[in-house]
N, C-alpha and C. Protein backbone atom coordinates (compact mmCIF):
# COMPACT_ATOMS: atom_id res chain seq x y z
N MET A 1 -43.74 4.88 18.14
CA MET A 1 -45.72 5.25 18.63
C MET A 1 -46.47 4.69 19.61
N LYS A 2 -46.41 2.90 18.99
CA LYS A 2 -46.78 2.09 19.81
C LYS A 2 -46.17 2.19 21.36
N LEU A 3 -44.84 2.45 21.71
CA LEU A 3 -44.74 2.06 22.89
C LEU A 3 -44.79 3.17 23.92
N LYS A 4 -45.54 4.56 23.16
CA LYS A 4 -45.43 5.55 23.61
C LYS A 4 -46.73 5.97 23.89
N VAL A 5 -47.92 5.01 22.96
CA VAL A 5 -48.85 4.40 24.40
C VAL A 5 -48.38 3.63 25.00
N TYR A 6 -48.37 2.49 24.86
CA TYR A 6 -48.15 1.13 25.84
C TYR A 6 -46.88 2.64 27.16
N SER A 7 -46.41 3.19 27.52
CA SER A 7 -45.68 3.61 28.27
C SER A 7 -47.28 4.50 28.73
N LYS A 8 -47.86 5.18 28.66
CA LYS A 8 -49.75 5.94 29.37
C LYS A 8 -50.23 5.37 29.12
N PHE A 9 -50.25 4.51 29.33
CA PHE A 9 -51.38 2.74 29.28
C PHE A 9 -51.03 2.05 30.84
N ASN A 10 -49.36 2.17 31.09
CA ASN A 10 -49.13 1.77 32.26
C ASN A 10 -48.65 2.51 33.04
N LEU A 11 -48.57 4.04 32.72
CA LEU A 11 -49.18 5.56 34.00
C LEU A 11 -51.06 5.03 34.63
N GLY A 12 -51.36 4.98 33.65
CA GLY A 12 -52.57 4.58 34.06
C GLY A 12 -53.09 4.21 34.94
N CYS A 13 -52.41 2.15 34.48
CA CYS A 13 -52.89 2.00 34.99
C CYS A 13 -52.53 1.18 36.62
N GLY A 14 -51.02 2.75 36.70
CA GLY A 14 -50.83 2.61 38.17
C GLY A 14 -51.77 3.19 38.62
N LEU A 15 -51.74 4.27 37.76
CA LEU A 15 -52.69 5.58 38.68
C LEU A 15 -53.99 4.87 39.61
N ILE A 16 -54.85 3.68 38.08
CA ILE A 16 -55.92 3.15 38.97
C ILE A 16 -55.74 2.33 40.39
N ALA A 17 -54.29 1.95 40.13
CA ALA A 17 -54.48 1.58 41.58
C ALA A 17 -53.67 1.69 42.33
N LEU A 18 -53.41 3.11 42.30
CA LEU A 18 -53.08 3.88 43.02
C LEU A 18 -54.66 4.78 43.97
N SER A 19 -55.56 5.20 43.67
CA SER A 19 -56.21 5.60 44.14
C SER A 19 -57.51 4.34 44.42
N SER A 20 -57.51 3.53 43.86
CA SER A 20 -58.11 2.65 44.65
C SER A 20 -57.92 2.35 45.64
N ALA A 21 -56.69 1.84 45.93
CA ALA A 21 -55.55 1.96 47.40
C ALA A 21 -56.18 2.38 48.30
N VAL A 22 -55.99 4.14 47.92
CA VAL A 22 -56.43 4.76 49.04
C VAL A 22 -58.22 4.64 49.09
N TYR A 23 -58.49 3.96 48.19
CA TYR A 23 -60.07 3.54 48.16
C TYR A 23 -60.22 3.45 49.33
N ILE A 24 -59.99 1.69 48.97
CA ILE A 24 -60.25 0.94 49.94
C ILE A 24 -59.79 1.35 51.18
N ILE A 25 -59.18 1.34 51.24
CA ILE A 25 -58.08 2.31 52.68
C ILE A 25 -59.37 3.22 53.52
N SER A 26 -59.82 3.62 53.05
CA SER A 26 -60.22 5.21 53.85
C SER A 26 -62.24 4.32 53.94
N GLY A 27 -62.42 3.51 52.93
CA GLY A 27 -63.48 2.44 52.30
C GLY A 27 -63.46 1.63 53.76
N PHE A 28 -62.42 1.02 54.08
CA PHE A 28 -62.43 0.16 55.41
C PHE A 28 -62.76 1.09 56.46
N SER A 29 -62.16 2.50 56.55
CA SER A 29 -61.81 3.76 57.67
C SER A 29 -63.55 3.58 58.24
N ASP A 30 -64.24 3.63 57.08
CA ASP A 30 -65.40 3.91 57.64
C ASP A 30 -66.54 3.10 57.65
N ILE A 31 -66.22 1.31 57.35
CA ILE A 31 -67.01 0.67 57.17
C ILE A 31 -68.63 0.21 58.49
N SER A 32 -67.70 0.87 58.95
CA SER A 32 -68.56 0.74 60.37
C SER A 32 -70.21 1.63 60.21
N MET A 33 -70.49 2.80 58.67
CA MET A 33 -70.69 3.90 59.24
C MET A 33 -71.36 3.60 57.45
N HIS A 34 -71.45 2.73 56.63
CA HIS A 34 -71.97 2.01 55.72
C HIS A 34 -72.25 0.96 55.15
N PRO A 35 -73.21 0.32 55.78
CA PRO A 35 -72.76 -1.13 54.97
C PRO A 35 -72.94 -1.00 53.34
N ALA A 36 -73.67 0.11 52.94
CA ALA A 36 -73.18 -0.52 51.25
C ALA A 36 -71.99 0.27 51.19
N THR A 37 -70.09 0.36 51.20
CA THR A 37 -69.10 1.05 51.47
C THR A 37 -68.93 -0.38 51.05
N ILE A 38 -69.16 -1.73 52.28
CA ILE A 38 -68.94 -3.11 51.96
C ILE A 38 -68.89 -3.73 50.54
N ILE A 39 -69.75 -3.15 50.06
CA ILE A 39 -70.56 -3.85 48.84
C ILE A 39 -69.68 -3.17 47.39
N PHE A 40 -69.58 -2.06 47.40
CA PHE A 40 -69.17 -1.33 46.29
C PHE A 40 -67.26 -1.34 46.86
N GLY A 41 -67.73 -1.49 48.08
CA GLY A 41 -64.90 -1.47 47.94
C GLY A 41 -65.15 -3.33 47.20
N ILE A 42 -66.18 -4.00 47.84
CA ILE A 42 -66.18 -4.91 47.55
C ILE A 42 -66.09 -5.38 45.37
N ALA A 43 -66.92 -4.96 44.86
CA ALA A 43 -67.58 -4.49 43.33
C ALA A 43 -66.43 -3.52 43.18
N PHE A 44 -65.84 -2.73 44.06
CA PHE A 44 -64.65 -1.78 43.15
C PHE A 44 -63.48 -2.78 43.58
N MET A 45 -63.42 -3.73 44.09
CA MET A 45 -61.56 -5.05 44.48
C MET A 45 -61.73 -5.83 43.14
N PHE A 46 -63.07 -5.82 43.07
CA PHE A 46 -63.52 -6.84 41.40
C PHE A 46 -62.87 -6.27 39.94
N ALA A 47 -63.38 -5.03 40.58
CA ALA A 47 -62.88 -4.68 38.39
C ALA A 47 -61.38 -4.02 38.41
N LEU A 48 -61.02 -3.52 39.98
CA LEU A 48 -59.18 -3.60 39.98
C LEU A 48 -58.60 -4.46 39.60
N ALA A 49 -58.79 -6.34 40.36
CA ALA A 49 -58.56 -6.63 39.84
C ALA A 49 -59.28 -7.50 38.12
N ALA A 50 -60.09 -6.98 38.14
CA ALA A 50 -59.97 -7.07 35.97
C ALA A 50 -59.37 -6.41 35.58
N THR A 51 -59.34 -5.47 35.80
CA THR A 51 -58.17 -3.93 35.24
C THR A 51 -56.84 -4.35 35.46
N ASN A 52 -56.18 -4.67 36.65
CA ASN A 52 -54.75 -5.72 36.71
C ASN A 52 -54.61 -6.23 35.88
N PHE A 53 -55.35 -7.68 36.02
CA PHE A 53 -55.34 -8.19 34.62
C PHE A 53 -55.35 -7.80 33.56
N TRP A 54 -56.15 -6.98 32.88
CA TRP A 54 -56.38 -6.65 31.80
C TRP A 54 -55.13 -5.90 31.10
N CYS A 55 -54.50 -5.20 32.33
CA CYS A 55 -52.80 -4.73 31.63
C CYS A 55 -51.88 -5.78 32.03
N ALA A 56 -52.25 -6.82 32.89
CA ALA A 56 -50.62 -8.06 32.74
C ALA A 56 -51.01 -8.70 31.24
N PHE A 57 -52.42 -8.87 30.71
CA PHE A 57 -52.62 -9.15 29.92
C PHE A 57 -51.92 -8.19 28.31
N ASN A 58 -52.16 -7.50 28.06
CA ASN A 58 -52.06 -6.26 27.12
C ASN A 58 -50.36 -6.73 27.37
N LYS A 59 -49.26 -6.48 28.60
CA LYS A 59 -47.93 -6.42 28.50
C LYS A 59 -47.51 -7.86 27.84
N MET A 60 -48.37 -9.48 28.88
CA MET A 60 -47.50 -10.52 27.34
C MET A 60 -47.85 -10.08 26.64
N GLY A 61 -48.92 -10.00 25.15
CA GLY A 61 -48.99 -9.39 24.10
C GLY A 61 -47.87 -8.45 23.56
N GLU A 62 -47.77 -7.45 24.68
CA GLU A 62 -46.72 -6.75 24.00
C GLU A 62 -44.83 -6.72 23.85
N ASP A 63 -45.27 -7.93 25.08
CA ASP A 63 -43.72 -8.92 25.06
C ASP A 63 -43.52 -9.64 23.55
N LYS A 64 -44.52 -10.41 23.87
CA LYS A 64 -44.49 -11.42 22.24
C LYS A 64 -44.41 -10.19 20.99
């Protein structure tokens, strides 16, 4: 039961990372149009880093 939830959680992390990578790439292509894109992009990257750290931390706990 736990393993199934964990694999779904990993899939969610992968989808978050993929969608954020797409957003960052598209955000940098429009960076000259909106300065707010820079601010939102930086905040989004910080959120992504926190999410990835949380995923890695949960994986370490699961391995034990």
